[in-house]
N, C-alpha and C. Protein backbone atom coordinates (compact mmCIF):
# COMPACT_ATOMS: atom_id res chain seq x y z
N GLN A 1 67.21 133.93 110.85
CA GLN A 1 68.44 133.38 111.35
C GLN A 1 68.18 131.99 111.95
N VAL A 2 68.99 131.04 111.56
CA VAL A 2 68.83 129.67 112.01
C VAL A 2 69.36 129.56 113.44
N ARG A 3 68.59 128.91 114.29
CA ARG A 3 69.02 128.70 115.67
C ARG A 3 68.67 127.27 116.09
N LEU A 4 69.65 126.61 116.68
CA LEU A 4 69.44 125.27 117.21
C LEU A 4 69.64 125.30 118.71
N VAL A 5 68.70 124.81 119.46
CA VAL A 5 68.80 124.83 120.90
C VAL A 5 68.66 123.41 121.43
N GLU A 6 69.71 122.91 122.04
CA GLU A 6 69.72 121.61 122.66
C GLU A 6 69.25 121.70 124.09
N SER A 7 68.61 120.64 124.56
CA SER A 7 68.22 120.55 125.98
C SER A 7 68.16 119.07 126.36
N GLY A 8 68.08 118.84 127.67
CA GLY A 8 67.93 117.49 128.15
C GLY A 8 69.17 116.88 128.78
N GLY A 9 70.29 117.62 128.70
CA GLY A 9 71.50 117.06 129.29
C GLY A 9 71.46 117.14 130.80
N GLY A 10 72.46 116.55 131.43
CA GLY A 10 72.53 116.61 132.88
C GLY A 10 73.41 115.52 133.43
N LEU A 11 73.23 115.27 134.70
CA LEU A 11 74.01 114.23 135.42
C LEU A 11 73.14 112.99 135.57
N VAL A 12 73.70 111.86 135.21
CA VAL A 12 72.95 110.59 135.31
C VAL A 12 73.91 109.51 135.78
N GLN A 13 73.39 108.52 136.49
CA GLN A 13 74.20 107.44 136.96
C GLN A 13 74.44 106.42 135.84
N PRO A 14 75.52 105.69 135.90
CA PRO A 14 75.76 104.64 134.90
C PRO A 14 74.57 103.69 134.80
N GLY A 15 74.20 103.35 133.60
CA GLY A 15 73.06 102.53 133.36
C GLY A 15 71.78 103.30 133.19
N GLY A 16 71.80 104.58 133.45
CA GLY A 16 70.63 105.42 133.34
C GLY A 16 70.34 105.87 131.91
N SER A 17 69.32 106.69 131.79
CA SER A 17 68.88 107.19 130.48
C SER A 17 68.69 108.69 130.50
N LEU A 18 68.84 109.26 129.32
CA LEU A 18 68.55 110.67 129.11
C LEU A 18 67.97 110.80 127.70
N ARG A 19 67.16 111.80 127.51
CA ARG A 19 66.65 112.13 126.19
C ARG A 19 67.03 113.58 125.87
N LEU A 20 67.83 113.75 124.83
CA LEU A 20 68.19 115.05 124.37
C LEU A 20 67.26 115.52 123.29
N SER A 21 66.99 116.83 123.27
CA SER A 21 66.17 117.43 122.23
C SER A 21 66.93 118.57 121.59
N CYS A 22 66.69 118.79 120.33
CA CYS A 22 67.30 119.91 119.62
C CYS A 22 66.18 120.53 118.75
N ALA A 23 65.82 121.75 119.14
CA ALA A 23 64.75 122.46 118.45
C ALA A 23 65.36 123.48 117.50
N ALA A 24 64.99 123.41 116.27
CA ALA A 24 65.53 124.30 115.23
C ALA A 24 64.48 125.36 114.91
N SER A 25 64.92 126.60 114.80
CA SER A 25 64.06 127.69 114.39
C SER A 25 64.70 128.48 113.29
N GLY A 26 63.90 129.26 112.59
CA GLY A 26 64.44 130.07 111.49
C GLY A 26 64.80 129.24 110.25
N ILE A 27 64.27 128.02 110.17
CA ILE A 27 64.59 127.14 109.05
C ILE A 27 63.73 127.54 107.85
N ARG A 28 64.37 127.94 106.77
CA ARG A 28 63.65 128.28 105.53
C ARG A 28 64.24 127.56 104.36
N PHE A 29 64.69 126.34 104.64
CA PHE A 29 65.25 125.50 103.55
C PHE A 29 64.92 124.07 103.86
N ARG A 30 65.07 123.22 102.85
CA ARG A 30 64.87 121.78 103.10
C ARG A 30 66.11 121.26 103.80
N ILE A 31 65.84 120.45 104.82
CA ILE A 31 66.90 119.87 105.61
C ILE A 31 67.35 118.54 104.97
N ASP A 32 68.63 118.41 104.77
CA ASP A 32 69.16 117.18 104.22
C ASP A 32 69.30 116.11 105.28
N SER A 33 69.85 116.51 106.43
CA SER A 33 70.05 115.54 107.49
C SER A 33 70.15 116.27 108.83
N MET A 34 69.89 115.52 109.88
CA MET A 34 70.00 116.05 111.25
C MET A 34 70.83 115.01 112.02
N GLY A 35 71.72 115.51 112.85
CA GLY A 35 72.58 114.56 113.56
C GLY A 35 72.98 115.03 114.92
N TRP A 36 73.49 114.06 115.68
CA TRP A 36 74.02 114.34 117.02
C TRP A 36 75.49 113.96 117.04
N TYR A 37 76.28 114.86 117.63
CA TYR A 37 77.71 114.67 117.82
C TYR A 37 78.00 114.83 119.31
N ARG A 38 79.21 114.43 119.67
CA ARG A 38 79.66 114.73 121.04
C ARG A 38 81.16 114.97 121.00
N GLN A 39 81.60 115.71 122.03
CA GLN A 39 83.01 115.99 122.17
C GLN A 39 83.37 115.90 123.63
N ALA A 40 84.25 115.00 123.94
CA ALA A 40 84.77 114.83 125.31
C ALA A 40 86.05 115.64 125.41
N PRO A 41 86.43 116.00 126.64
CA PRO A 41 87.66 116.79 126.84
C PRO A 41 88.86 116.08 126.23
N GLY A 42 89.61 116.85 125.44
CA GLY A 42 90.81 116.30 124.83
C GLY A 42 90.58 115.40 123.65
N LYS A 43 89.35 115.25 123.23
CA LYS A 43 89.04 114.41 122.08
C LYS A 43 88.37 115.19 120.98
N GLU A 44 88.39 114.62 119.77
CA GLU A 44 87.76 115.26 118.64
C GLU A 44 86.22 115.05 118.71
N ARG A 45 85.51 115.95 118.05
CA ARG A 45 84.06 115.79 118.00
C ARG A 45 83.77 114.60 117.09
N GLU A 46 82.84 113.77 117.55
CA GLU A 46 82.50 112.55 116.82
C GLU A 46 81.02 112.49 116.51
N LEU A 47 80.73 111.92 115.34
CA LEU A 47 79.32 111.71 114.94
C LEU A 47 78.79 110.51 115.70
N LEU A 48 77.61 110.68 116.31
CA LEU A 48 76.97 109.56 117.01
C LEU A 48 75.82 108.96 116.25
N ALA A 49 74.98 109.85 115.70
CA ALA A 49 73.77 109.33 115.03
C ALA A 49 73.30 110.38 114.03
N GLN A 50 72.69 109.91 112.96
CA GLN A 50 72.24 110.80 111.90
C GLN A 50 70.93 110.28 111.36
N ILE A 51 70.05 111.20 110.98
CA ILE A 51 68.80 110.83 110.32
C ILE A 51 68.64 111.72 109.11
N THR A 52 68.38 111.10 107.98
CA THR A 52 68.25 111.83 106.71
C THR A 52 66.81 112.33 106.56
N SER A 53 66.62 113.12 105.53
CA SER A 53 65.26 113.64 105.23
C SER A 53 64.31 112.50 104.89
N GLY A 54 64.87 111.43 104.40
CA GLY A 54 64.03 110.25 104.06
C GLY A 54 63.82 109.31 105.22
N GLY A 55 64.42 109.66 106.37
CA GLY A 55 64.20 108.85 107.58
C GLY A 55 65.25 107.75 107.80
N THR A 56 66.23 107.69 106.94
CA THR A 56 67.29 106.68 107.14
C THR A 56 68.19 107.10 108.31
N THR A 57 68.49 106.14 109.17
CA THR A 57 69.31 106.45 110.32
C THR A 57 70.62 105.64 110.26
N ASN A 58 71.64 106.22 110.86
CA ASN A 58 72.88 105.46 111.04
C ASN A 58 73.53 105.88 112.33
N TYR A 59 74.29 104.99 112.91
CA TYR A 59 74.84 105.19 114.24
C TYR A 59 76.32 104.80 114.28
N ALA A 60 77.03 105.46 115.17
CA ALA A 60 78.41 105.05 115.47
C ALA A 60 78.35 103.72 116.21
N ASP A 61 79.40 102.93 116.00
CA ASP A 61 79.43 101.62 116.69
C ASP A 61 79.36 101.77 118.19
N SER A 62 79.94 102.87 118.70
CA SER A 62 80.03 103.03 120.17
C SER A 62 78.65 103.22 120.80
N VAL A 63 77.64 103.61 120.03
CA VAL A 63 76.32 103.88 120.61
C VAL A 63 75.21 102.99 120.00
N LYS A 64 75.55 102.21 119.03
CA LYS A 64 74.56 101.38 118.35
C LYS A 64 73.91 100.42 119.36
N GLY A 65 72.60 100.38 119.33
CA GLY A 65 71.87 99.54 120.25
C GLY A 65 71.53 100.22 121.58
N ARG A 66 72.16 101.37 121.87
CA ARG A 66 71.90 102.07 123.10
C ARG A 66 71.23 103.42 122.85
N PHE A 67 71.60 104.07 121.74
CA PHE A 67 71.06 105.40 121.44
C PHE A 67 70.11 105.27 120.22
N THR A 68 69.07 106.09 120.24
CA THR A 68 68.11 106.15 119.15
C THR A 68 67.85 107.60 118.74
N ILE A 69 68.02 107.87 117.47
CA ILE A 69 67.74 109.22 116.98
C ILE A 69 66.36 109.20 116.33
N SER A 70 65.64 110.31 116.49
CA SER A 70 64.33 110.43 115.91
C SER A 70 64.03 111.92 115.72
N ARG A 71 62.94 112.21 115.02
CA ARG A 71 62.57 113.60 114.80
C ARG A 71 61.06 113.73 114.88
N ASP A 72 60.60 114.96 115.04
CA ASP A 72 59.12 115.15 115.11
C ASP A 72 58.57 115.25 113.69
N ASN A 73 57.25 115.23 113.60
CA ASN A 73 56.61 115.20 112.29
C ASN A 73 56.91 116.45 111.46
N ALA A 74 57.09 117.56 112.11
CA ALA A 74 57.40 118.78 111.37
C ALA A 74 58.83 118.77 110.86
N GLY A 75 59.64 117.93 111.48
CA GLY A 75 61.00 117.75 111.01
C GLY A 75 61.99 118.77 111.49
N ASN A 76 61.53 119.61 112.40
CA ASN A 76 62.45 120.65 112.92
C ASN A 76 62.97 120.39 114.32
N THR A 77 62.60 119.29 114.91
CA THR A 77 63.13 118.91 116.20
C THR A 77 63.70 117.49 116.08
N VAL A 78 64.90 117.33 116.59
CA VAL A 78 65.55 116.02 116.54
C VAL A 78 65.81 115.61 117.99
N TYR A 79 65.67 114.32 118.23
CA TYR A 79 65.84 113.78 119.57
C TYR A 79 66.96 112.72 119.59
N LEU A 80 67.52 112.55 120.75
CA LEU A 80 68.46 111.44 120.94
C LEU A 80 68.11 110.77 122.27
N GLN A 81 67.54 109.57 122.17
CA GLN A 81 67.25 108.78 123.35
C GLN A 81 68.50 108.00 123.69
N MET A 82 69.03 108.19 124.90
CA MET A 82 70.25 107.51 125.31
C MET A 82 69.97 106.60 126.48
N ASN A 83 70.18 105.31 126.27
CA ASN A 83 69.97 104.32 127.31
C ASN A 83 71.28 103.64 127.67
N SER A 84 71.27 102.95 128.78
CA SER A 84 72.46 102.21 129.25
C SER A 84 73.71 103.08 129.21
N LEU A 85 73.59 104.25 129.75
CA LEU A 85 74.71 105.23 129.65
C LEU A 85 75.90 104.75 130.50
N LYS A 86 77.07 105.08 129.95
CA LYS A 86 78.34 104.69 130.55
C LYS A 86 79.15 105.92 130.87
N PRO A 87 80.08 105.83 131.81
CA PRO A 87 80.93 107.01 132.12
C PRO A 87 81.63 107.53 130.86
N GLU A 88 81.98 106.71 129.95
CA GLU A 88 82.66 107.13 128.74
C GLU A 88 81.74 107.89 127.78
N ASP A 89 80.46 107.96 128.09
CA ASP A 89 79.53 108.76 127.30
C ASP A 89 79.54 110.24 127.75
N THR A 90 80.28 110.52 128.83
CA THR A 90 80.38 111.89 129.31
C THR A 90 81.02 112.79 128.27
N ALA A 91 80.31 113.84 127.90
CA ALA A 91 80.81 114.77 126.86
C ALA A 91 79.79 115.91 126.70
N VAL A 92 80.16 116.84 125.88
CA VAL A 92 79.21 117.87 125.44
C VAL A 92 78.57 117.34 124.13
N TYR A 93 77.28 117.34 124.11
CA TYR A 93 76.53 116.81 122.98
C TYR A 93 75.98 117.95 122.11
N TYR A 94 76.16 117.83 120.80
CA TYR A 94 75.76 118.89 119.88
C TYR A 94 74.86 118.32 118.82
N CYS A 95 73.88 119.13 118.39
CA CYS A 95 73.10 118.71 117.23
C CYS A 95 73.57 119.51 116.03
N ARG A 96 73.32 118.96 114.85
CA ARG A 96 73.75 119.59 113.61
C ARG A 96 72.66 119.37 112.56
N ILE A 97 72.39 120.39 111.79
CA ILE A 97 71.45 120.31 110.67
C ILE A 97 72.18 120.74 109.40
N VAL A 98 71.99 120.01 108.35
CA VAL A 98 72.65 120.30 107.07
C VAL A 98 71.58 120.69 106.06
N SER A 99 71.81 121.83 105.42
CA SER A 99 70.91 122.30 104.37
C SER A 99 71.03 121.43 103.14
N ALA A 100 69.91 121.07 102.58
CA ALA A 100 69.90 120.25 101.34
C ALA A 100 70.34 121.07 100.13
N TYR A 101 70.23 122.39 100.19
CA TYR A 101 70.56 123.21 99.05
C TYR A 101 72.03 123.65 99.01
N THR A 102 72.50 124.03 100.14
CA THR A 102 73.87 124.59 100.22
C THR A 102 74.85 123.64 100.87
N THR A 103 74.36 122.60 101.52
CA THR A 103 75.13 121.63 102.32
C THR A 103 75.82 122.33 103.50
N TYR A 104 75.43 123.55 103.80
CA TYR A 104 75.98 124.24 104.97
C TYR A 104 75.44 123.58 106.22
N ALA A 105 76.30 123.44 107.23
CA ALA A 105 75.93 122.82 108.49
C ALA A 105 75.76 123.86 109.57
N TYR A 106 74.67 123.73 110.29
CA TYR A 106 74.35 124.60 111.42
C TYR A 106 74.51 123.77 112.71
N TRP A 107 75.08 124.37 113.71
CA TRP A 107 75.35 123.69 114.99
C TRP A 107 74.60 124.35 116.13
N GLY A 108 74.24 123.51 117.10
CA GLY A 108 73.73 124.05 118.34
C GLY A 108 74.87 124.43 119.27
N GLN A 109 74.52 124.92 120.48
CA GLN A 109 75.53 125.40 121.38
C GLN A 109 76.08 124.28 122.28
N GLY A 110 75.39 123.14 122.28
CA GLY A 110 75.83 121.98 123.07
C GLY A 110 75.16 121.88 124.39
N THR A 111 75.05 120.66 124.88
CA THR A 111 74.49 120.41 126.21
C THR A 111 75.38 119.34 126.88
N GLN A 112 75.71 119.54 128.11
CA GLN A 112 76.59 118.67 128.85
C GLN A 112 75.88 117.45 129.36
N VAL A 113 76.49 116.29 129.10
CA VAL A 113 76.00 115.03 129.64
C VAL A 113 77.12 114.45 130.48
N THR A 114 76.83 114.18 131.75
CA THR A 114 77.81 113.62 132.63
C THR A 114 77.26 112.31 133.22
N VAL A 115 78.00 111.23 133.02
CA VAL A 115 77.57 109.93 133.53
C VAL A 115 78.53 109.53 134.68
N SER A 116 78.02 109.56 135.87
CA SER A 116 78.88 109.29 137.03
C SER A 116 78.02 108.86 138.19
N SER A 117 78.65 108.05 139.03
CA SER A 117 77.95 107.60 140.24
C SER A 117 78.35 108.51 141.41
């Protein structure tokens, strides 16, 4: 059974940094891509950053230059380094993994990030 567990969320002051981690277990397929999304209250879930199996990354304009996505060598843990955080970054952050064979997407349970003074 595939399981994604996010960690690293919390309360941070504006201008601060956080590093989110998403550890995947039960993976028995090739991963097509890994990504981070967020959902703020009353808003739709939005894609923030994505990294493909080949290492190509792309970012939403709202986080470009502030957030960096990366993964470990085994390819089953994905990270999101978040710098220069703003109050509008407050949301629940989710990781997602897409199977290369079925294109099915697996989601984590989410981790809360709150940016406030």
